[in-house]
Every structure is written in structure tokens, then in C-alpha cells.
mmCIF file of all heavy atoms, coordinates in Angstrom:
data_MODEL
# 
_entry.id   MODEL 
# 
loop_
_atom_site.group_PDB 
_atom_site.id 
_atom_site.type_symbol 
_atom_site.label_atom_id 
_atom_site.label_alt_id 
_atom_site.label_comp_id 
_atom_site.label_asym_id 
_atom_site.label_entity_id 
_atom_site.label_seq_id 
_atom_site.pdbx_PDB_ins_code 
_atom_site.Cartn_x 
_atom_site.Cartn_y 
_atom_site.Cartn_z 
_atom_site.occupancy 
_atom_site.B_iso_or_equiv 
_atom_site.pdbx_formal_charge 
_atom_site.auth_seq_id 
_atom_site.auth_comp_id 
_atom_site.auth_asym_id 
_atom_site.auth_atom_id 
_atom_site.pdbx_PDB_model_num 
ATOM 1   N N   . GLY A 1 1  ? 0.831  -1.259 0.002   1.00 0.00 ? 1  GLY A N   1 
ATOM 2   C CA  . GLY A 1 1  ? 0.028  0.030  0.041   1.00 0.00 ? 1  GLY A CA  1 
ATOM 3   C C   . GLY A 1 1  ? 0.810  1.240  -0.060  1.00 0.00 ? 1  GLY A C   1 
ATOM 4   O O   . GLY A 1 1  ? 0.521  2.220  -0.724  1.00 0.00 ? 1  GLY A O   1 
ATOM 5   N N   . ALA A 1 2  ? 1.949  1.194  0.820   1.00 0.00 ? 2  ALA A N   1 
ATOM 6   C CA  . ALA A 1 2  ? 2.840  2.371  0.842   1.00 0.00 ? 2  ALA A CA  1 
ATOM 7   C C   . ALA A 1 2  ? 3.501  2.620  -0.482  1.00 0.00 ? 2  ALA A C   1 
ATOM 8   O O   . ALA A 1 2  ? 3.614  3.730  -0.982  1.00 0.00 ? 2  ALA A O   1 
ATOM 9   C CB  . ALA A 1 2  ? 3.851  2.171  1.950   1.00 0.00 ? 2  ALA A CB  1 
ATOM 10  N N   . LYS A 1 3  ? 3.950  1.587  -1.171  1.00 0.00 ? 3  LYS A N   1 
ATOM 11  C CA  . LYS A 1 3  ? 4.567  1.650  -2.436  1.00 0.00 ? 3  LYS A CA  1 
ATOM 12  C C   . LYS A 1 3  ? 3.570  2.292  -3.416  1.00 0.00 ? 3  LYS A C   1 
ATOM 13  O O   . LYS A 1 3  ? 3.908  3.140  -4.278  1.00 0.00 ? 3  LYS A O   1 
ATOM 14  C CB  . LYS A 1 3  ? 5.043  0.298  -2.915  1.00 0.00 ? 3  LYS A CB  1 
ATOM 15  C CG  . LYS A 1 3  ? 6.181  -0.181 -2.180  1.00 0.00 ? 3  LYS A CG  1 
ATOM 16  C CD  . LYS A 1 3  ? 6.568  -1.593 -2.736  1.00 0.00 ? 3  LYS A CD  1 
ATOM 17  C CE  . LYS A 1 3  ? 7.862  -2.069 -1.945  1.00 0.00 ? 3  LYS A CE  1 
ATOM 18  N NZ  . LYS A 1 3  ? 8.276  -3.455 -2.533  1.00 0.00 ? 3  LYS A NZ  1 
ATOM 19  N N   . ALA A 1 4  ? 2.347  1.911  -3.354  1.00 0.00 ? 4  ALA A N   1 
ATOM 20  C CA  . ALA A 1 4  ? 1.355  2.462  -4.375  1.00 0.00 ? 4  ALA A CA  1 
ATOM 21  C C   . ALA A 1 4  ? 1.165  3.970  -4.100  1.00 0.00 ? 4  ALA A C   1 
ATOM 22  O O   . ALA A 1 4  ? 0.998  4.751  -5.067  1.00 0.00 ? 4  ALA A O   1 
ATOM 23  C CB  . ALA A 1 4  ? 0.050  1.710  -4.236  1.00 0.00 ? 4  ALA A CB  1 
ATOM 24  N N   . ALA A 1 5  ? 1.107  4.381  -2.829  1.00 0.00 ? 5  ALA A N   1 
ATOM 25  C CA  . ALA A 1 5  ? 0.922  5.778  -2.431  1.00 0.00 ? 5  ALA A CA  1 
ATOM 26  C C   . ALA A 1 5  ? 2.102  6.673  -3.006  1.00 0.00 ? 5  ALA A C   1 
ATOM 27  O O   . ALA A 1 5  ? 1.879  7.755  -3.521  1.00 0.00 ? 5  ALA A O   1 
ATOM 28  C CB  . ALA A 1 5  ? 0.707  5.945  -1.026  1.00 0.00 ? 5  ALA A CB  1 
ATOM 29  N N   . ILE A 1 6  ? 3.222  6.096  -2.853  1.00 0.00 ? 6  ILE A N   1 
ATOM 30  C CA  . ILE A 1 6  ? 4.453  6.846  -3.308  1.00 0.00 ? 6  ILE A CA  1 
ATOM 31  C C   . ILE A 1 6  ? 4.466  6.983  -4.735  1.00 0.00 ? 6  ILE A C   1 
ATOM 32  O O   . ILE A 1 6  ? 4.766  8.048  -5.303  1.00 0.00 ? 6  ILE A O   1 
ATOM 33  C CB  . ILE A 1 6  ? 5.720  6.228  -2.671  1.00 0.00 ? 6  ILE A CB  1 
ATOM 34  C CG1 . ILE A 1 6  ? 5.802  6.374  -1.201  1.00 0.00 ? 6  ILE A CG1 1 
ATOM 35  C CG2 . ILE A 1 6  ? 6.969  6.815  -3.348  1.00 0.00 ? 6  ILE A CG2 1 
ATOM 36  C CD1 . ILE A 1 6  ? 6.946  5.522  -0.588  1.00 0.00 ? 6  ILE A CD1 1 
ATOM 37  N N   . ALA A 1 7  ? 4.188  5.962  -5.477  1.00 0.00 ? 7  ALA A N   1 
ATOM 38  C CA  . ALA A 1 7  ? 4.101  5.955  -6.939  1.00 0.00 ? 7  ALA A CA  1 
ATOM 39  C C   . ALA A 1 7  ? 3.108  7.014  -7.412  1.00 0.00 ? 7  ALA A C   1 
ATOM 40  O O   . ALA A 1 7  ? 3.382  7.815  -8.403  1.00 0.00 ? 7  ALA A O   1 
ATOM 41  C CB  . ALA A 1 7  ? 3.761  4.603  -7.531  1.00 0.00 ? 7  ALA A CB  1 
ATOM 42  N N   . ALA A 1 8  ? 1.995  7.131  -6.819  1.00 0.00 ? 8  ALA A N   1 
ATOM 43  C CA  . ALA A 1 8  ? 0.953  8.044  -7.226  1.00 0.00 ? 8  ALA A CA  1 
ATOM 44  C C   . ALA A 1 8  ? 1.461  9.479  -6.968  1.00 0.00 ? 8  ALA A C   1 
ATOM 45  O O   . ALA A 1 8  ? 1.253  10.384 -7.830  1.00 0.00 ? 8  ALA A O   1 
ATOM 46  C CB  . ALA A 1 8  ? -0.337 7.873  -6.395  1.00 0.00 ? 8  ALA A CB  1 
ATOM 47  N N   . ALA A 1 9  ? 2.112  9.717  -5.912  1.00 0.00 ? 9  ALA A N   1 
ATOM 48  C CA  . ALA A 1 9  ? 2.625  11.079 -5.641  1.00 0.00 ? 9  ALA A CA  1 
ATOM 49  C C   . ALA A 1 9  ? 3.742  11.520 -6.625  1.00 0.00 ? 9  ALA A C   1 
ATOM 50  O O   . ALA A 1 9  ? 3.743  12.598 -7.062  1.00 0.00 ? 9  ALA A O   1 
ATOM 51  C CB  . ALA A 1 9  ? 3.304  11.110 -4.200  1.00 0.00 ? 9  ALA A CB  1 
ATOM 52  N N   . VAL A 1 10 ? 4.555  10.570 -7.002  1.00 0.00 ? 10 VAL A N   1 
ATOM 53  C CA  . VAL A 1 10 ? 5.563  10.757 -8.003  1.00 0.00 ? 10 VAL A CA  1 
ATOM 54  C C   . VAL A 1 10 ? 5.006  11.223 -9.285  1.00 0.00 ? 10 VAL A C   1 
ATOM 55  O O   . VAL A 1 10 ? 5.382  12.162 -9.962  1.00 0.00 ? 10 VAL A O   1 
ATOM 56  C CB  . VAL A 1 10 ? 6.550  9.625  -8.176  1.00 0.00 ? 10 VAL A CB  1 
ATOM 57  C CG1 . VAL A 1 10 ? 7.364  9.842  -9.400  1.00 0.00 ? 10 VAL A CG1 1 
ATOM 58  C CG2 . VAL A 1 10 ? 7.349  9.411  -6.937  1.00 0.00 ? 10 VAL A CG2 1 
ATOM 59  N N   . VAL A 1 11 ? 3.956  10.541 -9.714  1.00 0.00 ? 11 VAL A N   1 
ATOM 60  C CA  . VAL A 1 11 ? 3.221  10.799 -10.994 1.00 0.00 ? 11 VAL A CA  1 
ATOM 61  C C   . VAL A 1 11 ? 2.660  12.270 -10.967 1.00 0.00 ? 11 VAL A C   1 
ATOM 62  O O   . VAL A 1 11 ? 2.752  13.025 -11.860 1.00 0.00 ? 11 VAL A O   1 
ATOM 63  C CB  . VAL A 1 11 ? 2.130  9.740  -11.259 1.00 0.00 ? 11 VAL A CB  1 
ATOM 64  C CG1 . VAL A 1 11 ? 1.223  10.205 -12.358 1.00 0.00 ? 11 VAL A CG1 1 
ATOM 65  C CG2 . VAL A 1 11 ? 2.851  8.446  -11.550 1.00 0.00 ? 11 VAL A CG2 1 
ATOM 66  N N   . ILE A 1 12 ? 2.106  12.523 -9.754  1.00 0.00 ? 12 ILE A N   1 
ATOM 67  C CA  . ILE A 1 12 ? 1.457  13.886 -9.636  1.00 0.00 ? 12 ILE A CA  1 
ATOM 68  C C   . ILE A 1 12 ? 2.606  14.961 -9.742  1.00 0.00 ? 12 ILE A C   1 
ATOM 69  O O   . ILE A 1 12 ? 2.420  16.015 -10.458 1.00 0.00 ? 12 ILE A O   1 
ATOM 70  C CB  . ILE A 1 12 ? 0.693  14.075 -8.352  1.00 0.00 ? 12 ILE A CB  1 
ATOM 71  C CG1 . ILE A 1 12 ? -0.515 13.123 -8.415  1.00 0.00 ? 12 ILE A CG1 1 
ATOM 72  C CG2 . ILE A 1 12 ? 0.322  15.473 -8.047  1.00 0.00 ? 12 ILE A CG2 1 
ATOM 73  C CD1 . ILE A 1 12 ? -1.198 13.004 -7.038  1.00 0.00 ? 12 ILE A CD1 1 
ATOM 74  N N   . VAL A 1 13 ? 3.697  14.823 -9.072  1.00 0.00 ? 13 VAL A N   1 
ATOM 75  C CA  . VAL A 1 13 ? 4.760  15.817 -9.108  1.00 0.00 ? 13 VAL A CA  1 
ATOM 76  C C   . VAL A 1 13 ? 5.276  15.950 -10.553 1.00 0.00 ? 13 VAL A C   1 
ATOM 77  O O   . VAL A 1 13 ? 5.572  17.059 -11.002 1.00 0.00 ? 13 VAL A O   1 
ATOM 78  C CB  . VAL A 1 13 ? 5.890  15.380 -8.142  1.00 0.00 ? 13 VAL A CB  1 
ATOM 79  C CG1 . VAL A 1 13 ? 7.067  16.268 -8.391  1.00 0.00 ? 13 VAL A CG1 1 
ATOM 80  C CG2 . VAL A 1 13 ? 5.353  15.514 -6.754  1.00 0.00 ? 13 VAL A CG2 1 
ATOM 81  N N   . LEU A 1 14 ? 5.509  14.826 -11.229 1.00 0.00 ? 14 LEU A N   1 
ATOM 82  C CA  . LEU A 1 14 ? 6.086  14.921 -12.598 1.00 0.00 ? 14 LEU A CA  1 
ATOM 83  C C   . LEU A 1 14 ? 5.113  15.603 -13.505 1.00 0.00 ? 14 LEU A C   1 
ATOM 84  O O   . LEU A 1 14 ? 5.468  16.374 -14.408 1.00 0.00 ? 14 LEU A O   1 
ATOM 85  C CB  . LEU A 1 14 ? 6.346  13.470 -13.098 1.00 0.00 ? 14 LEU A CB  1 
ATOM 86  C CG  . LEU A 1 14 ? 7.550  12.730 -12.408 1.00 0.00 ? 14 LEU A CG  1 
ATOM 87  C CD1 . LEU A 1 14 ? 7.662  11.351 -12.963 1.00 0.00 ? 14 LEU A CD1 1 
ATOM 88  C CD2 . LEU A 1 14 ? 8.803  13.571 -12.699 1.00 0.00 ? 14 LEU A CD2 1 
ATOM 89  N N   . ALA A 1 15 ? 3.784  15.327 -13.292 1.00 0.00 ? 15 ALA A N   1 
ATOM 90  C CA  . ALA A 1 15 ? 2.826  15.956 -14.170 1.00 0.00 ? 15 ALA A CA  1 
ATOM 91  C C   . ALA A 1 15 ? 2.801  17.475 -13.918 1.00 0.00 ? 15 ALA A C   1 
ATOM 92  O O   . ALA A 1 15 ? 2.737  18.209 -14.798 1.00 0.00 ? 15 ALA A O   1 
ATOM 93  C CB  . ALA A 1 15 ? 1.412  15.377 -13.873 1.00 0.00 ? 15 ALA A CB  1 
ATOM 94  N N   . ALA A 1 16 ? 2.952  17.817 -12.703 1.00 0.00 ? 16 ALA A N   1 
ATOM 95  C CA  . ALA A 1 16 ? 2.969  19.298 -12.313 1.00 0.00 ? 16 ALA A CA  1 
ATOM 96  C C   . ALA A 1 16 ? 4.159  19.947 -12.886 1.00 0.00 ? 16 ALA A C   1 
ATOM 97  O O   . ALA A 1 16 ? 4.124  21.049 -13.455 1.00 0.00 ? 16 ALA A O   1 
ATOM 98  C CB  . ALA A 1 16 ? 2.913  19.459 -10.792 1.00 0.00 ? 16 ALA A CB  1 
ATOM 99  N N   . GLY A 1 17 ? 5.376  19.299 -12.909 1.00 0.00 ? 17 GLY A N   1 
ATOM 100 C CA  . GLY A 1 17 ? 6.547  19.916 -13.438 1.00 0.00 ? 17 GLY A CA  1 
ATOM 101 C C   . GLY A 1 17 ? 6.438  20.081 -14.907 1.00 0.00 ? 17 GLY A C   1 
ATOM 102 O O   . GLY A 1 17 ? 6.821  21.091 -15.538 1.00 0.00 ? 17 GLY A O   1 
ATOM 103 N N   . ALA A 1 18 ? 5.803  19.026 -15.584 1.00 0.00 ? 18 ALA A N   1 
ATOM 104 C CA  . ALA A 1 18 ? 5.615  19.180 -17.014 1.00 0.00 ? 18 ALA A CA  1 
ATOM 105 C C   . ALA A 1 18 ? 4.716  20.340 -17.351 1.00 0.00 ? 18 ALA A C   1 
ATOM 106 O O   . ALA A 1 18 ? 5.016  21.162 -18.260 1.00 0.00 ? 18 ALA A O   1 
ATOM 107 C CB  . ALA A 1 18 ? 5.056  17.838 -17.590 1.00 0.00 ? 18 ALA A CB  1 
ATOM 108 N N   . GLY A 1 19 ? 3.695  20.533 -16.675 1.00 0.00 ? 19 GLY A N   1 
ATOM 109 C CA  . GLY A 1 19 ? 2.789  21.629 -16.833 1.00 0.00 ? 19 GLY A CA  1 
ATOM 110 C C   . GLY A 1 19 ? 3.526  22.975 -16.642 1.00 0.00 ? 19 GLY A C   1 
ATOM 111 O O   . GLY A 1 19 ? 3.330  23.834 -17.364 1.00 0.00 ? 19 GLY A O   1 
ATOM 112 N N   . GLY A 1 20 ? 4.370  23.066 -15.701 1.00 0.00 ? 20 GLY A N   1 
ATOM 113 C CA  . GLY A 1 20 ? 5.194  24.308 -15.515 1.00 0.00 ? 20 GLY A CA  1 
ATOM 114 C C   . GLY A 1 20 ? 6.049  24.585 -16.605 1.00 0.00 ? 20 GLY A C   1 
ATOM 115 O O   . GLY A 1 20 ? 6.170  25.722 -17.141 1.00 0.00 ? 20 GLY A O   1 
ATOM 116 N N   . ALA A 1 21 ? 6.676  23.542 -17.251 1.00 0.00 ? 21 ALA A N   1 
ATOM 117 C CA  . ALA A 1 21 ? 7.532  23.688 -18.402 1.00 0.00 ? 21 ALA A CA  1 
ATOM 118 C C   . ALA A 1 21 ? 6.740  24.289 -19.551 1.00 0.00 ? 21 ALA A C   1 
ATOM 119 O O   . ALA A 1 21 ? 7.200  25.160 -20.259 1.00 0.00 ? 21 ALA A O   1 
ATOM 120 C CB  . ALA A 1 21 ? 8.264  22.518 -18.721 1.00 0.00 ? 21 ALA A CB  1 
ATOM 121 N N   . TYR A 1 22 ? 5.647  23.719 -19.792 1.00 0.00 ? 22 TYR A N   1 
ATOM 122 C CA  . TYR A 1 22 ? 4.753  24.187 -20.888 1.00 0.00 ? 22 TYR A CA  1 
ATOM 123 C C   . TYR A 1 22 ? 4.323  25.609 -20.707 1.00 0.00 ? 22 TYR A C   1 
ATOM 124 O O   . TYR A 1 22 ? 4.298  26.432 -21.612 1.00 0.00 ? 22 TYR A O   1 
ATOM 125 C CB  . TYR A 1 22 ? 3.576  23.332 -20.942 1.00 0.00 ? 22 TYR A CB  1 
ATOM 126 C CG  . TYR A 1 22 ? 3.848  21.939 -21.732 1.00 0.00 ? 22 TYR A CG  1 
ATOM 127 C CD1 . TYR A 1 22 ? 3.421  20.741 -21.057 1.00 0.00 ? 22 TYR A CD1 1 
ATOM 128 C CD2 . TYR A 1 22 ? 4.487  21.914 -22.873 1.00 0.00 ? 22 TYR A CD2 1 
ATOM 129 C CE1 . TYR A 1 22 ? 3.733  19.533 -21.691 1.00 0.00 ? 22 TYR A CE1 1 
ATOM 130 C CE2 . TYR A 1 22 ? 4.812  20.652 -23.488 1.00 0.00 ? 22 TYR A CE2 1 
ATOM 131 C CZ  . TYR A 1 22 ? 4.447  19.494 -22.904 1.00 0.00 ? 22 TYR A CZ  1 
ATOM 132 O OH  . TYR A 1 22 ? 4.667  18.274 -23.410 1.00 0.00 ? 22 TYR A OH  1 
ATOM 133 N N   . ALA A 1 23 ? 4.067  25.980 -19.432 1.00 0.00 ? 23 ALA A N   1 
ATOM 134 C CA  . ALA A 1 23 ? 3.640  27.405 -19.086 1.00 0.00 ? 23 ALA A CA  1 
ATOM 135 C C   . ALA A 1 23 ? 4.807  28.366 -19.328 1.00 0.00 ? 23 ALA A C   1 
ATOM 136 O O   . ALA A 1 23 ? 4.603  29.453 -19.919 1.00 0.00 ? 23 ALA A O   1 
ATOM 137 C CB  . ALA A 1 23 ? 3.147  27.433 -17.637 1.00 0.00 ? 23 ALA A CB  1 
ATOM 138 N N   . ASP A 1 24 ? 6.075  28.054 -19.028 1.00 0.00 ? 24 ASP A N   1 
ATOM 139 C CA  . ASP A 1 24 ? 7.167  28.942 -19.275 1.00 0.00 ? 24 ASP A CA  1 
ATOM 140 C C   . ASP A 1 24 ? 7.420  29.197 -20.781 1.00 0.00 ? 24 ASP A C   1 
ATOM 141 O O   . ASP A 1 24 ? 7.620  30.262 -21.220 1.00 0.00 ? 24 ASP A O   1 
ATOM 142 C CB  . ASP A 1 24 ? 8.420  28.355 -18.614 1.00 0.00 ? 24 ASP A CB  1 
ATOM 143 C CG  . ASP A 1 24 ? 8.427  28.456 -17.101 1.00 0.00 ? 24 ASP A CG  1 
ATOM 144 O OD1 . ASP A 1 24 ? 7.600  29.249 -16.616 1.00 0.00 ? 24 ASP A OD1 1 
ATOM 145 O OD2 . ASP A 1 24 ? 9.192  27.752 -16.480 1.00 0.00 ? 24 ASP A OD2 1 
ATOM 146 N N   . SER A 1 25 ? 7.337  28.083 -21.541 1.00 0.00 ? 25 SER A N   1 
ATOM 147 C CA  . SER A 1 25 ? 7.540  28.228 -22.915 1.00 0.00 ? 25 SER A CA  1 
ATOM 148 C C   . SER A 1 25 ? 6.465  29.170 -23.645 1.00 0.00 ? 25 SER A C   1 
ATOM 149 O O   . SER A 1 25 ? 6.741  30.005 -24.396 1.00 0.00 ? 25 SER A O   1 
ATOM 150 C CB  . SER A 1 25 ? 7.419  26.799 -23.585 1.00 0.00 ? 25 SER A CB  1 
ATOM 151 O OG  . SER A 1 25 ? 7.503  26.872 -24.982 1.00 0.00 ? 25 SER A OG  1 
# 
């Protein structure tokens, strides 16, 4: 269960980072 929670958080962070990159461009 802990591993699943951590994986979900990583996906959310990566998605947010990608959105920021698109916004800067």
C-alpha cells in the first residue's frame, strides 16, 4: 500500500513539473 501511494505522488509531481515547463515556454 505504501509503495502504491508513493508512486501516485511521483506521478502527480512529474505531471505538475511538465505543466510548468509548458507554461514557461
